[in-house]
Amino acid sequence: MGISGPKSRPNSVEGGFVDQNGLRGFVEGGVGTGTKTSPALEKIRTEIRHVCAERAENIRILEYLEKVRKEV
């Protein structure tokens, strides 16, 4: 018996797909590589965009506060 290395993953999975970033997702209608994503996936993407926007705003606020602090 030998030790086998890691098995490679296929580019498509049953009922879903792997996008260009290697992330797995599911399309409406089951198997395929269509471009229409599920409502659940769209909701997650929307939430991620919102969190990223909030983070960017917080970074701008912190940079401003640091600038003001240095001027005092």
PDB file of N, CA and C in Angstrom:
ATOM      1  N   MET A   1       0.838  -1.197   0.000  1.00  0.00           N
ATOM      2  CA  MET A   1       0.000   0.000   0.000  1.00  0.00           C
ATOM      3  C   MET A   1       0.871   1.243   0.000  1.00  0.00           C
ATOM      4  N   GLY A   2       0.561   2.143  -0.883  1.00  0.00           N
ATOM      5  CA  GLY A   2       1.310   3.395  -0.937  1.00  0.00           C
ATOM      6  C   GLY A   2       0.462   4.547  -0.450  1.00  0.00           C
ATOM      7  N   ILE A   3       1.106   5.658  -0.274  1.00  0.00           N
ATOM      8  CA  ILE A   3       0.406   6.865   0.144  1.00  0.00           C
ATOM      9  C   ILE A   3       0.039   7.631  -1.119  1.00  0.00           C
ATOM     10  N   SER A   4      -1.213   7.933  -1.244  1.00  0.00           N
ATOM     11  CA  SER A   4      -1.628   8.688  -2.423  1.00  0.00           C
ATOM     12  C   SER A   4      -1.725  10.165  -2.086  1.00  0.00           C
ATOM     13  N   GLY A   5      -1.436  11.006  -3.065  1.00  0.00           N
ATOM     14  CA  GLY A   5      -1.474  12.449  -2.875  1.00  0.00           C
ATOM     15  C   GLY A   5      -2.901  12.958  -2.920  1.00  0.00           C
ATOM     16  N   PRO A   6      -3.065  14.282  -2.768  1.00  0.00           N
ATOM     17  CA  PRO A   6      -4.406  14.852  -2.792  1.00  0.00           C
ATOM     18  C   PRO A   6      -5.041  14.688  -4.168  1.00  0.00           C
ATOM     19  N   LYS A   7      -6.321  14.439  -4.167  1.00  0.00           N
ATOM     20  CA  LYS A   7      -7.037  14.276  -5.427  1.00  0.00           C
ATOM     21  C   LYS A   7      -7.452  15.652  -5.941  1.00  0.00           C
ATOM     22  N   SER A   8      -7.342  15.835  -7.232  1.00  0.00           N
ATOM     23  CA  SER A   8      -7.727  17.116  -7.803  1.00  0.00           C
ATOM     24  C   SER A   8      -9.241  17.208  -7.905  1.00  0.00           C
ATOM     25  N   ARG A   9      -9.745  18.429  -7.820  1.00  0.00           N
ATOM     26  CA  ARG A   9     -11.177  18.663  -7.905  1.00  0.00           C
ATOM     27  C   ARG A   9     -11.549  18.970  -9.357  1.00  0.00           C
ATOM     28  N   PRO A  10     -12.652  18.467  -9.799  1.00  0.00           N
ATOM     29  CA  PRO A  10     -13.094  18.815 -11.157  1.00  0.00           C
ATOM     30  C   PRO A  10     -13.596  20.250 -11.196  1.00  0.00           C
ATOM     31  N   ASN A  11     -13.636  20.832 -12.387  1.00  0.00           N
ATOM     32  CA  ASN A  11     -14.116  22.203 -12.532  1.00  0.00           C
ATOM     33  C   ASN A  11     -15.624  22.315 -12.429  1.00  0.00           C
ATOM     34  N   SER A  12     -16.330  21.214 -12.536  1.00  0.00           N
ATOM     35  CA  SER A  12     -17.773  21.292 -12.365  1.00  0.00           C
ATOM     36  C   SER A  12     -18.206  20.272 -11.328  1.00  0.00           C
ATOM     37  N   VAL A  13     -19.229  20.608 -10.612  1.00  0.00           N
ATOM     38  CA  VAL A  13     -19.771  19.727  -9.590  1.00  0.00           C
ATOM     39  C   VAL A  13     -21.239  19.505  -9.900  1.00  0.00           C
ATOM     40  N   GLU A  14     -21.793  18.441  -9.390  1.00  0.00           N
ATOM     41  CA  GLU A  14     -23.197  18.149  -9.655  1.00  0.00           C
ATOM     42  C   GLU A  14     -24.068  19.263  -9.091  1.00  0.00           C
ATOM     43  N   GLY A  15     -24.851  19.908  -9.954  1.00  0.00           N
ATOM     44  CA  GLY A  15     -25.759  20.965  -9.531  1.00  0.00           C
ATOM     45  C   GLY A  15     -25.095  22.309  -9.340  1.00  0.00           C
ATOM     46  N   GLY A  16     -23.831  22.447  -9.696  1.00  0.00           N
ATOM     47  CA  GLY A  16     -23.176  23.725  -9.474  1.00  0.00           C
ATOM     48  C   GLY A  16     -22.027  23.956 -10.422  1.00  0.00           C
ATOM     49  N   PHE A  17     -21.161  24.878 -10.046  1.00  0.00           N
ATOM     50  CA  PHE A  17     -20.025  25.225 -10.885  1.00  0.00           C
ATOM     51  C   PHE A  17     -18.899  25.762 -10.019  1.00  0.00           C
ATOM     52  N   VAL A  18     -17.717  25.882 -10.601  1.00  0.00           N
ATOM     53  CA  VAL A  18     -16.589  26.534  -9.948  1.00  0.00           C
ATOM     54  C   VAL A  18     -16.272  27.760 -10.777  1.00  0.00           C
ATOM     55  N   ASP A  19     -16.338  28.941 -10.170  1.00  0.00           N
ATOM     56  CA  ASP A  19     -16.089  30.149 -10.948  1.00  0.00           C
ATOM     57  C   ASP A  19     -14.599  30.376 -11.122  1.00  0.00           C
ATOM     58  N   GLN A  20     -14.237  31.467 -11.763  1.00  0.00           N
ATOM     59  CA  GLN A  20     -12.839  31.739 -12.079  1.00  0.00           C
ATOM     60  C   GLN A  20     -11.970  31.900 -10.836  1.00  0.00           C
ATOM     61  N   ASN A  21     -12.560  32.197  -9.684  1.00  0.00           N
ATOM     62  CA  ASN A  21     -11.813  32.338  -8.442  1.00  0.00           C
ATOM     63  C   ASN A  21     -11.757  31.041  -7.649  1.00  0.00           C
ATOM     64  N   GLY A  22     -12.307  29.961  -8.210  1.00  0.00           N
ATOM     65  CA  GLY A  22     -12.286  28.681  -7.531  1.00  0.00           C
ATOM     66  C   GLY A  22     -13.392  28.516  -6.510  1.00  0.00           C
ATOM     67  N   LEU A  23     -14.361  29.436  -6.496  1.00  0.00           N
ATOM     68  CA  LEU A  23     -15.450  29.352  -5.545  1.00  0.00           C
ATOM     69  C   LEU A  23     -16.573  28.528  -6.143  1.00  0.00           C
ATOM     70  N   ARG A  24     -17.148  27.657  -5.347  1.00  0.00           N
ATOM     71  CA  ARG A  24     -18.237  26.823  -5.843  1.00  0.00           C
ATOM     72  C   ARG A  24     -19.560  27.527  -5.614  1.00  0.00           C
ATOM     73  N   GLY A  25     -20.454  27.412  -6.570  1.00  0.00           N
ATOM     74  CA  GLY A  25     -21.767  28.025  -6.454  1.00  0.00           C
ATOM     75  C   GLY A  25     -22.788  27.153  -7.138  1.00  0.00           C
ATOM     76  N   PHE A  26     -24.024  27.508  -7.018  1.00  0.00           N
ATOM     77  CA  PHE A  26     -25.089  26.732  -7.635  1.00  0.00           C
ATOM     78  C   PHE A  26     -25.910  27.622  -8.541  1.00  0.00           C
ATOM     79  N   VAL A  27     -26.356  27.056  -9.623  1.00  0.00           N
ATOM     80  CA  VAL A  27     -27.170  27.792 -10.571  1.00  0.00           C
ATOM     81  C   VAL A  27     -28.597  27.289 -10.509  1.00  0.00           C
ATOM     82  N   GLU A  28     -29.515  28.155 -10.841  1.00  0.00           N
ATOM     83  CA  GLU A  28     -30.912  27.736 -10.859  1.00  0.00           C
ATOM     84  C   GLU A  28     -31.115  26.735 -11.974  1.00  0.00           C
ATOM     85  N   GLY A  29     -31.923  25.752 -11.719  1.00  0.00           N
ATOM     86  CA  GLY A  29     -32.193  24.751 -12.731  1.00  0.00           C
ATOM     87  C   GLY A  29     -31.312  23.531 -12.616  1.00  0.00           C
ATOM     88  N   GLY A  30     -30.435  23.487 -11.633  1.00  0.00           N
ATOM     89  CA  GLY A  30     -29.628  22.282 -11.421  1.00  0.00           C
ATOM     90  C   GLY A  30     -28.283  22.329 -12.094  1.00  0.00           C
ATOM     91  N   VAL A  31     -27.943  21.241 -12.780  1.00  0.00           N
ATOM     92  CA  VAL A  31     -26.612  21.061 -13.342  1.00  0.00           C
ATOM     93  C   VAL A  31     -26.379  22.025 -14.491  1.00  0.00           C
ATOM     94  N   GLY A  32     -25.175  22.566 -14.555  1.00  0.00           N
ATOM     95  CA  GLY A  32     -24.821  23.428 -15.667  1.00  0.00           C
ATOM     96  C   GLY A  32     -23.865  24.516 -15.255  1.00  0.00           C
ATOM     97  N   THR A  33     -23.448  25.272 -16.224  1.00  0.00           N
ATOM     98  CA  THR A  33     -22.553  26.386 -15.959  1.00  0.00           C
ATOM     99  C   THR A  33     -23.213  27.681 -16.383  1.00  0.00           C
ATOM    100  N   GLY A  34     -24.516  27.783 -16.173  1.00  0.00           N
ATOM    101  CA  GLY A  34     -25.258  28.985 -16.521  1.00  0.00           C
ATOM    102  C   GLY A  34     -24.799  30.169 -15.697  1.00  0.00           C
ATOM    103  N   THR A  35     -25.247  31.342 -16.081  1.00  0.00           N
ATOM    104  CA  THR A  35     -24.812  32.549 -15.396  1.00  0.00           C
ATOM    105  C   THR A  35     -25.828  33.047 -14.373  1.00  0.00           C
ATOM    106  N   LYS A  36     -27.026  32.472 -14.338  1.00  0.00           N
ATOM    107  CA  LYS A  36     -28.045  32.907 -13.388  1.00  0.00           C
ATOM    108  C   LYS A  36     -27.815  32.190 -12.059  1.00  0.00           C
ATOM    109  N   THR A  37     -27.527  32.963 -11.018  1.00  0.00           N
ATOM    110  CA  THR A  37     -27.231  32.360  -9.720  1.00  0.00           C
ATOM    111  C   THR A  37     -28.483  32.302  -8.859  1.00  0.00           C
ATOM    112  N   SER A  38     -28.415  31.519  -7.820  1.00  0.00           N
ATOM    113  CA  SER A  38     -29.562  31.338  -6.935  1.00  0.00           C
ATOM    114  C   SER A  38     -29.814  32.602  -6.116  1.00  0.00           C
ATOM    115  N   PRO A  39     -31.035  32.808  -5.673  1.00  0.00           N
ATOM    116  CA  PRO A  39     -31.344  33.973  -4.835  1.00  0.00           C
ATOM    117  C   PRO A  39     -30.526  33.980  -3.538  1.00  0.00           C
ATOM    118  N   ALA A  40     -30.273  32.808  -2.979  1.00  0.00           N
ATOM    119  CA  ALA A  40     -29.488  32.741  -1.732  1.00  0.00           C
ATOM    120  C   ALA A  40     -28.073  33.248  -1.972  1.00  0.00           C
ATOM    121  N   LEU A  41     -27.478  32.876  -3.095  1.00  0.00           N
ATOM    122  CA  LEU A  41     -26.123  33.320  -3.413  1.00  0.00           C
ATOM    123  C   LEU A  41     -26.100  34.829  -3.651  1.00  0.00           C
ATOM    124  N   GLU A  42     -27.084  35.345  -4.339  1.00  0.00           N
ATOM    125  CA  GLU A  42     -27.161  36.785  -4.567  1.00  0.00           C
ATOM    126  C   GLU A  42     -27.317  37.542  -3.251  1.00  0.00           C
ATOM    127  N   LYS A  43     -28.081  36.990  -2.312  1.00  0.00           N
ATOM    128  CA  LYS A  43     -28.251  37.631  -1.009  1.00  0.00           C
ATOM    129  C   LYS A  43     -26.910  37.691  -0.272  1.00  0.00           C
ATOM    130  N   ILE A  44     -26.153  36.614  -0.316  1.00  0.00           N
ATOM    131  CA  ILE A  44     -24.839  36.575   0.334  1.00  0.00           C
ATOM    132  C   ILE A  44     -23.900  37.586  -0.309  1.00  0.00           C
ATOM    133  N   ARG A  45     -23.903  37.638  -1.642  1.00  0.00           N
ATOM    134  CA  ARG A  45     -23.037  38.603  -2.337  1.00  0.00           C
ATOM    135  C   ARG A  45     -23.396  40.029  -1.954  1.00  0.00           C
ATOM    136  N   THR A  46     -24.690  40.329  -1.842  1.00  0.00           N
ATOM    137  CA  THR A  46     -25.145  41.660  -1.455  1.00  0.00           C
ATOM    138  C   THR A  46     -24.666  41.996  -0.048  1.00  0.00           C
ATOM    139  N   GLU A  47     -24.776  41.041   0.856  1.00  0.00           N
ATOM    140  CA  GLU A  47     -24.323  41.259   2.237  1.00  0.00           C
ATOM    141  C   GLU A  47     -22.820  41.496   2.283  1.00  0.00           C
ATOM    142  N   ILE A  48     -22.058  40.751   1.493  1.00  0.00           N
ATOM    143  CA  ILE A  48     -20.605  40.928   1.464  1.00  0.00           C
ATOM    144  C   ILE A  48     -20.251  42.311   0.935  1.00  0.00           C
ATOM    145  N   ARG A  49     -20.936  42.744  -0.134  1.00  0.00           N
ATOM    146  CA  ARG A  49     -20.681  44.088  -0.665  1.00  0.00           C
ATOM    147  C   ARG A  49     -20.969  45.153   0.394  1.00  0.00           C
ATOM    148  N   HIS A  50     -22.057  44.967   1.145  1.00  0.00           N
ATOM    149  CA  HIS A  50     -22.426  45.918   2.192  1.00  0.00           C
ATOM    150  C   HIS A  50     -21.347  45.969   3.282  1.00  0.00           C
ATOM    151  N   VAL A  51     -20.887  44.808   3.716  1.00  0.00           N
ATOM    152  CA  VAL A  51     -19.853  44.752   4.754  1.00  0.00           C
ATOM    153  C   VAL A  51     -18.563  45.406   4.254  1.00  0.00           C
ATOM    154  N   CYS A  52     -18.203  45.154   3.007  1.00  0.00           N
ATOM    155  CA  CYS A  52     -16.989  45.748   2.441  1.00  0.00           C
ATOM    156  C   CYS A  52     -17.103  47.267   2.367  1.00  0.00           C
ATOM    157  N   ALA A  53     -18.294  47.759   2.007  1.00  0.00           N
ATOM    158  CA  ALA A  53     -18.502  49.206   1.944  1.00  0.00           C
ATOM    159  C   ALA A  53     -18.395  49.827   3.330  1.00  0.00           C
ATOM    160  N   GLU A  54     -18.979  49.163   4.324  1.00  0.00           N
ATOM    161  CA  GLU A  54     -18.867  49.656   5.704  1.00  0.00           C
ATOM    162  C   GLU A  54     -17.419  49.673   6.167  1.00  0.00           C
ATOM    163  N   ARG A  55     -16.685  48.631   5.830  1.00  0.00           N
ATOM    164  CA  ARG A  55     -15.271  48.548   6.223  1.00  0.00           C
ATOM    165  C   ARG A  55     -14.476  49.680   5.587  1.00  0.00           C
ATOM    166  N   ALA A  56     -14.721  49.949   4.314  1.00  0.00           N
ATOM    167  CA  ALA A  56     -14.017  51.022   3.622  1.00  0.00           C
ATOM    168  C   ALA A  56     -14.333  52.374   4.275  1.00  0.00           C
ATOM    169  N   GLU A  57     -15.585  52.587   4.643  1.00  0.00           N
ATOM    170  CA  GLU A  57     -15.970  53.824   5.315  1.00  0.00           C
ATOM    171  C   GLU A  57     -15.278  53.938   6.670  1.00  0.00           C
ATOM    172  N   ASN A  58     -15.209  52.856   7.420  1.00  0.00           N
ATOM    173  CA  ASN A  58     -14.521  52.872   8.720  1.00  0.00           C
ATOM    174  C   ASN A  58     -13.031  53.176   8.560  1.00  0.00           C
ATOM    175  N   ILE A  59     -12.427  52.650   7.520  1.00  0.00           N
ATOM    176  CA  ILE A  59     -11.010  52.935   7.260  1.00  0.00           C
ATOM    177  C   ILE A  59     -10.826  54.420   6.969  1.00  0.00           C
ATOM    178  N   ARG A  60     -11.717  55.005   6.152  1.00  0.00           N
ATOM    179  CA  ARG A  60     -11.623  56.446   5.857  1.00  0.00           C
ATOM    180  C   ARG A  60     -11.770  57.273   7.135  1.00  0.00           C
ATOM    181  N   ILE A  61     -12.688  56.882   8.000  1.00  0.00           N
ATOM    182  CA  ILE A  61     -12.885  57.611   9.262  1.00  0.00           C
ATOM    183  C   ILE A  61     -11.631  57.515  10.131  1.00  0.00           C
ATOM    184  N   LEU A  62     -11.071  56.315  10.259  1.00  0.00           N
ATOM    185  CA  LEU A  62      -9.860  56.151  11.067  1.00  0.00           C
ATOM    186  C   LEU A  62      -8.695  56.958  10.508  1.00  0.00           C
ATOM    187  N   GLU A  63      -8.538  56.963   9.188  1.00  0.00           N
ATOM    188  CA  GLU A  63      -7.465  57.747   8.575  1.00  0.00           C
ATOM    189  C   GLU A  63      -7.651  59.233   8.857  1.00  0.00           C
ATOM    190  N   TYR A  64      -8.895  59.711   8.783  1.00  0.00           N
ATOM    191  CA  TYR A  64      -9.183  61.109   9.082  1.00  0.00           C
ATOM    192  C   TYR A  64      -8.855  61.430  10.535  1.00  0.00           C
ATOM    193  N   LEU A  65      -9.287  60.556  11.457  1.00  0.00           N
ATOM    194  CA  LEU A  65      -9.013  60.805  12.869  1.00  0.00           C
ATOM    195  C   LEU A  65      -7.515  60.809  13.168  1.00  0.00           C
ATOM    196  N   GLU A  66      -6.777  59.913  12.527  1.00  0.00           N
ATOM    197  CA  GLU A  66      -5.323  59.896  12.722  1.00  0.00           C
ATOM    198  C   GLU A  66      -4.689  61.186  12.207  1.00  0.00           C
ATOM    199  N   LYS A  67      -5.180  61.686  11.084  1.00  0.00           N
ATOM    200  CA  LYS A  67      -4.662  62.918  10.508  1.00  0.00           C
ATOM    201  C   LYS A  67      -4.929  64.088  11.442  1.00  0.00           C
ATOM    202  N   VAL A  68      -6.159  64.173  11.966  1.00  0.00           N
ATOM    203  CA  VAL A  68      -6.536  65.253  12.876  1.00  0.00           C
ATOM    204  C   VAL A  68      -5.706  65.177  14.146  1.00  0.00           C
ATOM    205  N   ARG A  69      -5.510  63.977  14.659  1.00  0.00           N
ATOM    206  CA  ARG A  69      -4.732  63.793  15.893  1.00  0.00           C
ATOM    207  C   ARG A  69      -3.303  64.287  15.711  1.00  0.00           C
ATOM    208  N   LYS A  70      -2.715  64.023  14.569  1.00  0.00           N
ATOM    209  CA  LYS A  70      -1.333  64.459  14.306  1.00  0.00           C
ATOM    210  C   LYS A  70      -1.219  65.974  14.200  1.00  0.00           C
ATOM    211  N   GLU A  71      -2.308  66.612  13.741  1.00  0.00           N
ATOM    212  CA  GLU A  71      -2.302  68.071  13.585  1.00  0.00           C
ATOM    213  C   GLU A  71      -2.454  68.811  14.904  1.00  0.00           C
ATOM    214  N   VAL A  72      -2.954  68.126  15.931  1.00  0.00           N
ATOM    215  CA  VAL A  72      -3.221  68.789  17.224  1.00  0.00           C
ATOM    216  C   VAL A  72      -1.971  68.922  18.018  1.00  0.00           C
TER     217      VAL A  72
END
